[in-house]
Protein backbone atom coordinates (compact mmCIF):
# COMPACT_ATOMS: atom_id res chain seq x y z
CA MET A 1 -53.53 121.19 46.21
CA SER A 2 -51.58 120.43 43.21
CA ILE A 3 -49.54 117.08 42.93
CA VAL A 4 -46.20 119.21 43.11
CA ASN A 5 -47.18 120.84 46.43
CA ILE A 6 -48.27 117.26 47.86
CA GLY A 7 -44.90 115.89 46.77
CA SER A 8 -43.16 118.80 48.43
CA ASN A 9 -44.92 118.56 51.90
CA LEU A 10 -44.22 114.67 51.74
CA LEU A 11 -40.31 115.45 51.18
CA SER A 12 -40.52 118.05 53.90
CA ILE A 13 -41.90 115.48 56.50
CA MET A 14 -39.31 112.97 55.80
CA MET A 15 -36.70 115.31 56.06
CA LYS A 16 -37.62 116.21 59.42
CA LYS A 17 -35.22 115.81 62.36
CA VAL A 18 -35.61 112.83 64.85
CA GLY A 19 -33.27 113.70 67.80
CA ASN A 20 -30.06 113.99 66.23
CA LYS A 21 -30.81 111.99 63.06
CA THR A 22 -32.49 113.09 59.81
CA LEU A 23 -34.57 110.79 57.91
CA ARG A 24 -33.64 110.45 54.51
CA PRO A 25 -35.57 108.89 51.74
CA ARG A 26 -33.99 105.14 50.96
CA ASN A 27 -32.41 104.12 47.70
CA PRO A 28 -34.24 101.12 46.45
CA ARG A 29 -31.24 99.67 44.79
CA SER A 30 -29.16 100.27 48.00
CA VAL A 31 -31.47 98.59 50.17
CA ALA A 32 -31.42 95.73 47.89
CA ARG A 33 -27.65 95.23 47.60
CA LYS A 34 -27.61 95.45 51.70
CA ARG A 35 -30.26 92.88 52.04
CA ALA A 36 -28.53 90.61 49.51
CA ALA A 37 -25.13 91.17 51.36
CA GLY A 38 -27.04 90.22 54.72
CA ARG A 39 -28.28 87.00 53.25
CA GLN A 40 -24.83 86.05 51.94
CA ASP A 41 -23.49 86.76 55.24
CA ASP A 42 -26.12 84.57 56.92
CA GLN A 43 -25.44 81.82 54.57
CA ARG A 44 -21.58 81.94 55.26
CA LYS A 45 -22.43 81.71 58.96
CA GLU A 46 -24.78 78.82 58.57
CA GLY A 47 -22.57 77.16 56.03
CA ARG A 48 -19.79 77.01 58.88
CA TYR A 49 -22.24 76.15 61.66
CA TYR A 50 -24.04 73.38 59.44
CA TYR A 51 -20.51 71.64 58.66
CA LYS A 52 -19.14 72.08 62.04
CA GLY A 53 -22.58 70.24 63.27
CA ASN A 54 -22.19 67.73 61.12
CA ARG A 55 -18.54 66.50 61.78
CA HIS A 56 -19.62 62.89 61.53
CA LYS A 57 -20.72 63.63 57.76
CA GLN A 58 -17.27 65.31 56.90
CA LEU A 59 -15.39 62.31 58.52
CA ARG A 60 -17.52 59.70 56.75
CA ALA A 61 -17.10 61.50 53.47
CA PHE A 62 -13.33 61.51 54.03
CA VAL A 63 -12.83 57.92 54.90
CA MET A 64 -14.89 56.91 52.08
CA VAL A 65 -13.12 58.72 49.61
CA VAL A 66 -9.68 57.36 51.00
CA LYS A 67 -11.27 53.92 50.94
CA LEU A 68 -12.65 54.19 47.46
CA GLY A 69 -9.92 56.15 45.77
CA THR A 70 -11.95 58.85 44.25
CA LEU A 71 -14.68 61.48 44.97
CA THR A 72 -17.14 59.93 42.52
CA ARG A 73 -17.12 56.29 43.90
CA ALA A 74 -17.52 57.93 47.54
CA ALA A 75 -20.48 60.12 46.31
CA GLU A 76 -22.27 56.72 44.73
CA ALA A 77 -21.54 54.63 47.97
CA LEU A 78 -22.80 57.52 50.37
CA PHE A 79 -25.77 58.30 47.80
CA VAL A 80 -24.77 62.04 47.57
CA SER A 81 -23.51 64.18 44.73
CA GLN A 82 -19.72 64.52 44.11
CA PRO A 83 -19.83 68.41 45.02
CA THR A 84 -21.36 67.60 48.21
CA ILE A 85 -18.57 65.21 49.05
CA SER A 86 -15.95 68.01 47.82
CA LEU A 87 -17.75 70.55 50.12
CA GLN A 88 -17.38 68.52 53.26
CA LEU A 89 -13.55 67.73 52.64
CA GLN A 90 -13.16 71.47 52.00
CA ALA A 91 -14.92 72.33 55.31
CA LEU A 92 -13.06 69.60 56.96
CA GLU A 93 -9.74 70.80 55.77
CA ARG A 94 -10.80 74.58 56.67
CA GLU A 95 -11.80 73.72 60.26
CA LEU A 96 -8.62 71.55 60.92
CA GLY A 97 -6.35 74.17 59.36
CA THR A 98 -4.66 71.80 57.12
CA ALA A 99 -4.59 69.99 53.87
CA LEU A 100 -5.95 66.41 54.00
CA VAL A 101 -5.54 65.27 50.36
CA ASP A 102 -3.54 65.81 47.29
CA ARG A 103 -6.06 66.50 44.46
CA ARG A 104 -3.74 66.31 41.49
CA GLY A 105 -4.62 63.41 39.15
CA ARG A 106 -7.81 61.20 39.29
CA ARG A 107 -7.14 59.63 42.24
CA ILE A 108 -6.70 61.05 45.97
CA ASN A 109 -3.51 60.93 47.73
CA LEU A 110 -3.42 61.53 51.61
CA THR A 111 -1.09 64.08 52.94
CA ASP A 112 0.88 63.58 56.27
CA ALA A 113 -1.99 64.86 58.02
CA GLY A 114 -4.43 63.05 55.91
CA GLU A 115 -2.83 59.74 56.82
CA ALA A 116 -2.92 60.76 60.75
CA LEU A 117 -6.63 61.67 60.53
CA TYR A 118 -7.36 58.65 58.53
CA THR A 119 -5.92 56.58 61.31
CA LEU A 120 -7.91 57.93 63.79
CA ALA A 121 -11.20 58.79 61.98
CA ARG A 122 -11.68 55.20 60.40
CA PRO A 123 -12.65 53.29 63.57
CA LEU A 124 -14.76 56.09 64.82
CA VAL A 125 -16.65 56.09 61.48
CA GLU A 126 -16.76 52.59 61.33
CA GLY A 127 -18.17 52.14 65.06
CA TRP A 128 -20.71 54.63 64.10
CA GLU A 129 -22.19 53.02 61.32
CA THR A 130 -22.32 49.77 63.42
CA LEU A 131 -23.58 51.38 66.47
CA ASP A 132 -27.26 50.32 66.16
CA ARG A 133 -26.28 46.81 65.46
CA ASP A 134 -23.74 46.37 68.27
CA PHE A 135 -25.99 48.06 70.83
CA HIS A 136 -28.76 45.66 70.24
CA ALA A 137 -26.25 42.95 69.86
CA SER A 138 -24.84 43.89 73.49
CA LEU A 139 -28.59 44.16 74.70
CA LYS A 140 -29.42 40.48 73.62
CA GLY A 141 -26.52 38.92 74.39
CA LEU A 142 -25.21 38.42 70.82
CA ARG A 143 -28.43 36.96 69.46
CA GLY A 144 -27.79 38.31 66.27
CA GLY A 145 -25.41 39.47 63.69
CA THR A 146 -22.70 38.07 61.13
CA LEU A 147 -19.15 37.20 61.89
CA VAL A 148 -16.52 36.45 59.03
CA ILE A 149 -13.19 34.90 59.69
CA ALA A 150 -10.68 34.52 57.12
CA ALA A 151 -8.21 31.53 57.60
CA GLY A 152 -6.41 28.94 55.79
CA THR A 153 -7.37 25.06 55.38
CA SER A 154 -5.05 23.86 58.23
CA THR A 155 -6.24 26.48 60.55
CA ILE A 156 -10.03 25.96 60.00
CA GLN A 157 -9.42 22.31 59.91
CA TYR A 158 -7.01 21.63 63.11
CA LEU A 159 -6.88 25.11 65.16
CA LEU A 160 -10.46 26.44 65.09
CA PRO A 161 -13.10 23.61 65.63
CA GLU A 162 -13.25 23.76 69.31
CA PHE A 163 -13.61 27.18 69.34
CA VAL A 164 -16.11 27.32 66.86
CA ARG A 165 -18.28 24.93 68.71
CA THR A 166 -17.91 26.95 71.87
CA TYR A 167 -18.91 30.08 69.91
CA ARG A 168 -21.85 28.28 68.43
CA GLU A 169 -22.99 27.04 71.97
CA ARG A 170 -22.92 30.40 73.33
CA PHE A 171 -24.24 32.61 70.31
CA PRO A 172 -26.24 30.28 68.51
CA ALA A 173 -27.98 33.05 66.57
CA VAL A 174 -24.77 34.62 65.13
CA GLN A 175 -24.13 33.74 61.40
CA LEU A 176 -20.71 32.46 61.24
CA GLN A 177 -18.45 32.63 58.01
CA LEU A 178 -15.25 30.63 57.63
CA ALA A 179 -13.55 32.04 54.33
CA ASN A 180 -10.94 29.82 53.12
CA VAL A 181 -8.60 32.48 51.89
CA THR A 182 -5.12 32.95 52.86
CA GLY A 183 -1.84 34.60 51.93
CA LYS A 184 -2.30 37.82 49.79
CA ASP A 185 -6.07 37.13 49.35
CA GLY A 186 -6.36 37.11 52.95
CA LEU A 187 -4.86 40.27 53.58
CA ALA A 188 -6.96 41.68 50.91
CA TRP A 189 -10.19 40.32 52.51
CA LEU A 190 -9.01 42.20 55.62
CA ARG A 191 -8.18 45.46 53.85
CA ALA A 192 -11.52 45.55 52.19
CA ASP A 193 -13.26 44.70 55.32
CA GLN A 194 -14.84 41.65 53.83
CA ALA A 195 -13.32 39.78 56.88
CA ASP A 196 -13.82 41.10 60.55
CA PHE A 197 -10.42 39.29 61.38
CA ALA A 198 -8.09 36.29 60.37
CA VAL A 199 -6.57 33.44 62.07
CA GLY A 200 -3.32 31.94 60.68
CA SER A 201 0.59 32.05 60.65
CA MET A 202 2.49 35.14 59.54
CA LEU A 203 6.31 35.36 58.45
CA ASP A 204 6.03 39.07 57.57
CA VAL A 205 3.87 41.52 58.90
CA PRO A 206 3.13 44.52 56.66
CA ASN A 207 2.68 47.84 58.52
CA ASP A 208 -1.04 48.27 58.20
CA ILE A 209 -1.66 44.94 59.55
CA ALA A 210 -1.36 43.91 63.46
CA TRP A 211 -0.72 40.09 64.48
CA ALA A 212 -1.15 38.56 67.64
CA PRO A 213 0.25 34.97 68.12
CA VAL A 214 -1.40 32.54 70.41
CA GLN A 215 -0.61 29.31 69.78
CA HIS A 216 2.97 27.55 68.69
CA PHE A 217 3.64 24.35 66.98
CA ASP A 218 6.80 22.59 66.50
CA PRO A 219 8.05 21.41 62.81
CA MET A 220 7.62 17.49 62.49
CA LEU A 221 9.24 15.08 60.24
CA ILE A 222 6.99 12.43 59.21
CA MET A 223 7.93 9.16 57.58
CA PRO A 224 6.40 5.69 56.80
CA LEU A 225 6.45 3.31 59.82
CA ASP A 226 8.89 1.18 57.75
CA HIS A 227 11.06 3.85 56.69
CA PRO A 228 14.86 3.62 57.43
CA LEU A 229 14.91 6.78 59.41
CA ALA A 230 11.88 5.35 61.72
CA ALA A 231 14.09 3.27 63.81
CA LYS A 232 16.39 6.35 65.16
CA GLU A 233 15.13 8.52 67.65
CA LYS A 234 17.32 11.69 66.76
CA ILE A 235 17.49 12.44 63.10
CA THR A 236 19.89 15.10 61.74
CA LEU A 237 19.23 17.44 58.91
CA GLU A 238 22.11 15.61 56.92
CA ALA A 239 20.22 12.09 57.37
CA LEU A 240 17.49 13.75 55.48
CA SER A 241 19.45 14.55 52.26
CA PRO A 242 19.04 10.91 50.65
CA TYR A 243 15.26 10.82 50.61
CA GLY A 244 12.83 12.66 48.47
CA LEU A 245 10.72 15.21 50.23
CA ILE A 246 6.68 16.06 49.74
CA LEU A 247 6.42 19.56 50.31
CA PRO A 248 3.60 21.97 49.67
CA PRO A 249 3.91 24.31 46.50
CA GLN A 250 6.91 26.76 46.32
CA ARG A 251 4.59 29.82 46.66
CA LEU A 252 3.45 28.95 50.35
CA SER A 253 5.85 29.75 53.13
CA THR A 254 6.49 26.12 54.37
CA TYR A 255 8.54 25.38 51.17
CA ARG A 256 10.53 28.58 51.51
CA LEU A 257 11.31 27.83 55.04
CA VAL A 258 12.37 24.52 54.59
CA ASP A 259 14.38 25.73 51.64
CA LEU A 260 15.88 28.57 53.60
CA VAL A 261 17.13 25.96 56.47
CA PHE A 262 18.77 23.72 54.32
CA GLN A 263 20.58 26.36 52.29
CA GLN A 264 21.67 28.04 55.45
CA ARG A 265 23.17 24.97 56.66
CA GLN A 266 24.50 24.01 53.08
CA VAL A 267 22.60 20.38 53.29
CA PRO A 268 21.53 19.18 49.74
CA TYR A 269 18.07 18.16 49.56
CA HIS A 270 15.46 17.27 46.88
CA VAL A 271 11.70 17.55 46.42
CA ASP A 272 10.08 14.61 44.69
CA ILE A 273 6.36 15.75 45.01
CA GLU A 274 4.82 19.36 45.53
CA VAL A 275 1.03 18.90 46.72
CA GLY A 276 -1.21 21.15 48.75
CA GLY A 277 -2.92 20.28 51.97
CA TRP A 278 -1.46 18.62 55.19
CA ASP A 279 -4.08 15.45 55.02
CA VAL A 280 -3.01 14.98 51.41
CA ILE A 281 0.71 14.92 52.45
CA LYS A 282 0.11 12.89 55.18
CA GLU A 283 -1.69 10.10 53.04
CA TYR A 284 1.22 10.03 50.25
CA VAL A 285 3.85 9.86 53.15
CA ALA A 286 1.78 6.84 54.69
CA ARG A 287 1.81 5.12 51.37
CA GLY A 288 5.72 5.60 51.00
CA LEU A 289 5.75 8.05 48.33
CA GLY A 290 8.22 10.26 50.36
CA ILE A 291 8.84 12.11 53.30
CA SER A 292 7.92 15.51 54.63
CA ILE A 293 8.58 18.12 57.08
CA VAL A 294 5.01 19.50 58.38
CA THR A 295 3.94 21.77 61.17
CA GLY A 296 2.70 20.15 64.33
CA ILE A 297 -0.88 21.67 63.95
CA CYS A 298 -1.69 18.79 61.73
CA ILE A 299 -0.49 15.81 63.52
CA THR A 300 -3.34 13.92 65.30
CA GLU A 301 -3.31 10.91 67.28
CA ALA A 302 -4.70 8.73 64.76
CA ASP A 303 -1.64 9.94 62.44
CA HIS A 304 0.93 8.01 65.13
CA THR A 305 -0.98 4.77 63.86
CA ARG A 306 0.56 4.89 60.44
CA LEU A 307 3.18 7.48 60.48
CA ALA A 308 6.70 7.77 62.28
CA VAL A 309 6.61 11.17 63.51
CA ARG A 310 10.03 13.07 64.97
CA ASN A 311 10.50 16.61 66.38
CA LEU A 312 12.98 18.90 64.29
CA ARG A 313 12.73 22.03 66.27
CA GLN A 314 16.36 22.02 66.79
CA TYR A 315 16.73 22.83 63.29
CA PHE A 316 13.51 24.61 62.10
CA PRO A 317 11.76 27.29 63.91
CA GLN A 318 8.24 26.85 65.50
CA ARG A 319 5.29 28.28 63.67
CA ALA A 320 2.91 30.37 65.12
CA TYR A 321 -0.85 30.93 64.98
CA GLY A 322 -2.53 33.84 66.12
CA VAL A 323 -5.36 36.80 65.20
CA VAL A 324 -4.77 38.93 61.98
CA MET A 325 -6.30 42.14 61.86
CA ARG A 326 -6.01 45.40 60.07
CA LYS A 327 -4.55 48.02 62.29
CA GLY A 328 -7.31 50.73 63.42
CA LYS A 329 -10.09 48.03 62.54
CA PHE A 330 -13.26 48.38 65.01
CA LEU A 331 -14.17 45.01 65.88
CA SER A 332 -17.93 44.26 66.46
CA ALA A 333 -19.21 42.66 69.41
CA GLU A 334 -19.42 39.48 67.53
CA ALA A 335 -15.68 39.44 66.56
CA ARG A 336 -14.28 40.41 70.18
CA ALA A 337 -16.56 37.49 71.75
CA PHE A 338 -14.88 34.96 69.49
CA ILE A 339 -11.20 36.67 69.66
CA ASP A 340 -11.87 36.44 73.53
CA LEU A 341 -12.44 32.68 73.18
CA ILE A 342 -8.90 32.12 71.39
CA ARG A 343 -7.33 34.35 74.36
CA PRO A 344 -9.25 36.21 76.92
CA GLY A 345 -7.66 39.95 77.17
CA LEU A 346 -5.92 39.39 73.72
CA LEU A 347 -7.26 42.90 72.38
CA THR A 348 -5.98 44.64 75.42
CA HIS A 349 -2.37 42.98 75.37
CA ARG A 350 -1.62 42.50 71.66
CA GLU A 351 1.80 41.80 70.38
CA HIS A 352 2.47 42.90 66.77
CA ASP A 353 6.32 41.96 66.61
CA GLU A 354 6.02 38.53 65.11
CA SER A 355 6.47 37.89 61.68
CA GLY A 356 4.04 37.41 57.96
CA HIS A 357 0.98 35.44 56.64
CA SER A 358 0.99 31.81 55.55
CA GLU A 359 -1.48 29.24 54.62
CA ARG A 360 0.40 26.86 56.75
């Protein structure tokens, strides 16, 4: 049989009807196109399910981009490529049905929806990152871990010692760091998560900071024992006018508060010495170099043996000291244990309506 006849027979066989369908020879190019289209469709489906199944990765990428400001920095921090970060953000936006970031310019800016998501996502992501450590710490009764507390000199010296002593007795294996930073530096530590929380006094509370006052202290006038005003039990603001004051530097809130009260009451005053540190101020006053208005937190029993102390609460407001933290901050087990020492239940019933951060 010739090759032509063989080909005709094969063709006729392929054209036979099977039921109501006719088998036709397949075009190789058409088959290849259909297979490629099928693979692309499968990949799109896999992509949707992959990213949806990795919502944690999406949120972690989103939070890191917001914290660090650029896709490049976020990719470096998470040890992935920049395109991967971009794809995760796009997938997250697609699934949530809204834009989260404004990509104009080099830095990433959040939309209103992005702000809302960041507030919700950041504690979740941070909690996930520390889950293993917190879980094992909980099982072991805080037998390990690290706690960083930001505080000013007066807070570390006068307010925290007893809390630190009790905490060390209960959790001796926890590495405790008291960072002597206050004011803008202290807030920067909180915002950068370099400190778990801070303890101090505030006059102005930023929108992203939560503050819960726990102890209040009266303002005190201190003088040498032989000072002319030391013989008086009640001292008016006008009586201070002739005498030079020793105050902390002007950049600190104590100086500004004293100035505000004198200005409001239109009482003249003058500052002879500016110096930092309550202990230094008390020493200078005891040596007869001036008088001062300090916060009661720094007055000890020993001070009464060398200083005359009078309460000035009728003129100056009390100073409140409390726990300062970034809103939305996920607190570790170590941090929660210390705050519970300061005031049990404080994390459940927090007050955020008091006013700013200070070294004093």
